[in-house]
PDB file of N, CA and C in Angstrom:
ATOM      1  N   UNK A   1      18.477  -2.204   3.793  1.00  0.00           N
ATOM      2  CA  UNK A   1      18.844  -1.358   2.681  1.00  0.00           C
ATOM      3  C   UNK A   1      19.290  -0.012   3.207  1.00  0.00           C
ATOM      4  N   UNK A   2      20.326   0.473   2.621  1.00  0.00           N
ATOM      5  CA  UNK A   2      20.838   1.810   2.903  1.00  0.00           C
ATOM      6  C   UNK A   2      20.667   2.649   1.643  1.00  0.00           C
ATOM      7  N   UNK A   3      20.673   3.954   1.804  1.00  0.00           N
ATOM      8  CA  UNK A   3      20.552   4.830   0.646  1.00  0.00           C
ATOM      9  C   UNK A   3      21.654   4.603  -0.366  1.00  0.00           C
ATOM     10  N   UNK A   4      22.854   4.338   0.122  1.00  0.00           N
ATOM     11  CA  UNK A   4      23.986   4.087  -0.766  1.00  0.00           C
ATOM     12  C   UNK A   4      23.815   2.820  -1.583  1.00  0.00           C
ATOM     13  N   UNK A   5      23.141   1.828  -1.016  1.00  0.00           N
ATOM     14  CA  UNK A   5      22.888   0.582  -1.752  1.00  0.00           C
ATOM     15  C   UNK A   5      22.020   0.856  -2.974  1.00  0.00           C
ATOM     16  N   UNK A   6      20.961   1.612  -2.774  1.00  0.00           N
ATOM     17  CA  UNK A   6      20.059   1.936  -3.882  1.00  0.00           C
ATOM     18  C   UNK A   6      20.786   2.773  -4.930  1.00  0.00           C
ATOM     19  N   UNK A   7      21.559   3.747  -4.485  1.00  0.00           N
ATOM     20  CA  UNK A   7      22.288   4.605  -5.415  1.00  0.00           C
ATOM     21  C   UNK A   7      23.270   3.793  -6.247  1.00  0.00           C
ATOM     22  N   UNK A   8      23.962   2.858  -5.622  1.00  0.00           N
ATOM     23  CA  UNK A   8      24.927   2.026  -6.348  1.00  0.00           C
ATOM     24  C   UNK A   8      24.232   1.210  -7.433  1.00  0.00           C
ATOM     25  N   UNK A   9      23.106   0.613  -7.097  1.00  0.00           N
ATOM     26  CA  UNK A   9      22.375  -0.198  -8.070  1.00  0.00           C
ATOM     27  C   UNK A   9      21.883   0.655  -9.239  1.00  0.00           C
ATOM     28  N   UNK A  10      21.424   1.863  -8.950  1.00  0.00           N
ATOM     29  CA  UNK A  10      20.963   2.764 -10.007  1.00  0.00           C
ATOM     30  C   UNK A  10      22.133   3.166 -10.897  1.00  0.00           C
ATOM     31  N   UNK A  11      23.278   3.460 -10.300  1.00  0.00           N
ATOM     32  CA  UNK A  11      24.461   3.825 -11.096  1.00  0.00           C
ATOM     33  C   UNK A  11      24.928   2.671 -11.976  1.00  0.00           C
ATOM     34  N   UNK A  12      24.680   1.434 -11.526  1.00  0.00           N
ATOM     35  CA  UNK A  12      25.080   0.261 -12.308  1.00  0.00           C
ATOM     36  C   UNK A  12      24.084  -0.073 -13.407  1.00  0.00           C
ATOM     37  N   UNK A  13      22.975   0.662 -13.473  1.00  0.00           N
ATOM     38  CA  UNK A  13      22.068   0.502 -14.599  1.00  0.00           C
ATOM     39  C   UNK A  13      20.685  -0.036 -14.318  1.00  0.00           C
ATOM     40  N   UNK A  14      20.386  -0.359 -13.072  1.00  0.00           N
ATOM     41  CA  UNK A  14      19.037  -0.849 -12.805  1.00  0.00           C
ATOM     42  C   UNK A  14      18.021   0.266 -13.015  1.00  0.00           C
ATOM     43  N   UNK A  15      16.818  -0.090 -13.377  1.00  0.00           N
ATOM     44  CA  UNK A  15      15.790   0.921 -13.611  1.00  0.00           C
ATOM     45  C   UNK A  15      14.837   1.062 -12.436  1.00  0.00           C
ATOM     46  N   UNK A  16      14.922   0.152 -11.460  1.00  0.00           N
ATOM     47  CA  UNK A  16      14.047   0.223 -10.286  1.00  0.00           C
ATOM     48  C   UNK A  16      14.720  -0.475  -9.104  1.00  0.00           C
ATOM     49  N   UNK A  17      14.419  -0.007  -7.922  1.00  0.00           N
ATOM     50  CA  UNK A  17      14.885  -0.675  -6.710  1.00  0.00           C
ATOM     51  C   UNK A  17      13.698  -0.845  -5.767  1.00  0.00           C
ATOM     52  N   UNK A  18      13.681  -1.931  -5.024  1.00  0.00           N
ATOM     53  CA  UNK A  18      12.622  -2.222  -4.069  1.00  0.00           C
ATOM     54  C   UNK A  18      13.050  -1.654  -2.725  1.00  0.00           C
ATOM     55  N   UNK A  19      12.265  -0.747  -2.181  1.00  0.00           N
ATOM     56  CA  UNK A  19      12.635  -0.121  -0.915  1.00  0.00           C
ATOM     57  C   UNK A  19      11.621  -0.381   0.195  1.00  0.00           C
ATOM     58  N   UNK A  20      10.618  -1.207  -0.060  1.00  0.00           N
ATOM     59  CA  UNK A  20       9.565  -1.415   0.938  1.00  0.00           C
ATOM     60  C   UNK A  20      10.125  -1.874   2.283  1.00  0.00           C
ATOM     61  N   UNK A  21      10.978  -2.889   2.265  1.00  0.00           N
ATOM     62  CA  UNK A  21      11.550  -3.387   3.524  1.00  0.00           C
ATOM     63  C   UNK A  21      12.352  -2.297   4.222  1.00  0.00           C
ATOM     64  N   UNK A  22      13.109  -1.544   3.446  1.00  0.00           N
ATOM     65  CA  UNK A  22      13.877  -0.448   4.020  1.00  0.00           C
ATOM     66  C   UNK A  22      12.983   0.601   4.660  1.00  0.00           C
ATOM     67  N   UNK A  23      11.828   0.867   4.043  1.00  0.00           N
ATOM     68  CA  UNK A  23      10.895   1.836   4.613  1.00  0.00           C
ATOM     69  C   UNK A  23      10.321   1.341   5.937  1.00  0.00           C
ATOM     70  N   UNK A  24      10.113   0.044   6.044  1.00  0.00           N
ATOM     71  CA  UNK A  24       9.600  -0.515   7.296  1.00  0.00           C
ATOM     72  C   UNK A  24      10.596  -0.267   8.430  1.00  0.00           C
ATOM     73  N   UNK A  25      11.884  -0.475   8.155  1.00  0.00           N
ATOM     74  CA  UNK A  25      12.898  -0.361   9.205  1.00  0.00           C
ATOM     75  C   UNK A  25      13.418   1.060   9.410  1.00  0.00           C
ATOM     76  N   UNK A  26      13.510   1.843   8.335  1.00  0.00           N
ATOM     77  CA  UNK A  26      14.098   3.181   8.456  1.00  0.00           C
ATOM     78  C   UNK A  26      13.075   4.301   8.342  1.00  0.00           C
ATOM     79  N   UNK A  27      11.896   3.990   7.861  1.00  0.00           N
ATOM     80  CA  UNK A  27      10.866   5.008   7.694  1.00  0.00           C
ATOM     81  C   UNK A  27      11.136   5.872   6.468  1.00  0.00           C
ATOM     82  N   UNK A  28      10.366   6.948   6.337  1.00  0.00           N
ATOM     83  CA  UNK A  28      10.483   7.801   5.161  1.00  0.00           C
ATOM     84  C   UNK A  28      11.847   8.479   5.007  1.00  0.00           C
ATOM     85  N   UNK A  29      12.642   8.494   6.056  1.00  0.00           N
ATOM     86  CA  UNK A  29      13.981   9.088   5.957  1.00  0.00           C
ATOM     87  C   UNK A  29      14.841   8.341   4.941  1.00  0.00           C
ATOM     88  N   UNK A  30      14.483   7.095   4.641  1.00  0.00           N
ATOM     89  CA  UNK A  30      15.239   6.318   3.658  1.00  0.00           C
ATOM     90  C   UNK A  30      15.224   6.992   2.289  1.00  0.00           C
ATOM     91  N   UNK A  31      14.106   7.589   1.923  1.00  0.00           N
ATOM     92  CA  UNK A  31      14.006   8.257   0.620  1.00  0.00           C
ATOM     93  C   UNK A  31      15.007   9.405   0.550  1.00  0.00           C
ATOM     94  N   UNK A  32      15.069  10.208   1.595  1.00  0.00           N
ATOM     95  CA  UNK A  32      16.024  11.323   1.634  1.00  0.00           C
ATOM     96  C   UNK A  32      17.457  10.806   1.581  1.00  0.00           C
ATOM     97  N   UNK A  33      17.711   9.716   2.296  1.00  0.00           N
ATOM     98  CA  UNK A  33      19.045   9.106   2.300  1.00  0.00           C
ATOM     99  C   UNK A  33      19.432   8.646   0.889  1.00  0.00           C
ATOM    100  N   UNK A  34      18.484   8.054   0.177  1.00  0.00           N
ATOM    101  CA  UNK A  34      18.741   7.609  -1.200  1.00  0.00           C
ATOM    102  C   UNK A  34      19.067   8.798  -2.099  1.00  0.00           C
ATOM    103  N   UNK A  35      18.291   9.856  -1.972  1.00  0.00           N
ATOM    104  CA  UNK A  35      18.523  11.041  -2.802  1.00  0.00           C
ATOM    105  C   UNK A  35      19.877  11.681  -2.505  1.00  0.00           C
ATOM    106  N   UNK A  36      20.252  11.742  -1.237  1.00  0.00           N
ATOM    107  CA  UNK A  36      21.568  12.291  -0.874  1.00  0.00           C
ATOM    108  C   UNK A  36      22.688  11.439  -1.463  1.00  0.00           C
ATOM    109  N   UNK A  37      22.533  10.121  -1.405  1.00  0.00           N
ATOM    110  CA  UNK A  37      23.558   9.223  -1.945  1.00  0.00           C
ATOM    111  C   UNK A  37      23.674   9.379  -3.454  1.00  0.00           C
ATOM    112  N   UNK A  38      22.554   9.584  -4.127  1.00  0.00           N
ATOM    113  CA  UNK A  38      22.592   9.777  -5.581  1.00  0.00           C
ATOM    114  C   UNK A  38      23.251  11.101  -5.956  1.00  0.00           C
ATOM    115  N   UNK A  39      23.110  12.103  -5.112  1.00  0.00           N
ATOM    116  CA  UNK A  39      23.686  13.418  -5.394  1.00  0.00           C
ATOM    117  C   UNK A  39      25.207  13.422  -5.274  1.00  0.00           C
ATOM    118  N   UNK A  40      25.776  12.447  -4.564  1.00  0.00           N
ATOM    119  CA  UNK A  40      27.236  12.392  -4.384  1.00  0.00           C
ATOM    120  C   UNK A  40      27.929  11.922  -5.616  1.00  0.00           C
TER     121      UNK A  40
END
């Protein structure tokens, strides 16, 4: 999972995204990446 993937799904109308696997591989930086992608 990339931050842009989560942002795209949220923009398309989903109310939640699963990021556990992404956190395992990318660590807490994934949350910041998601927020940056949403801000664009």
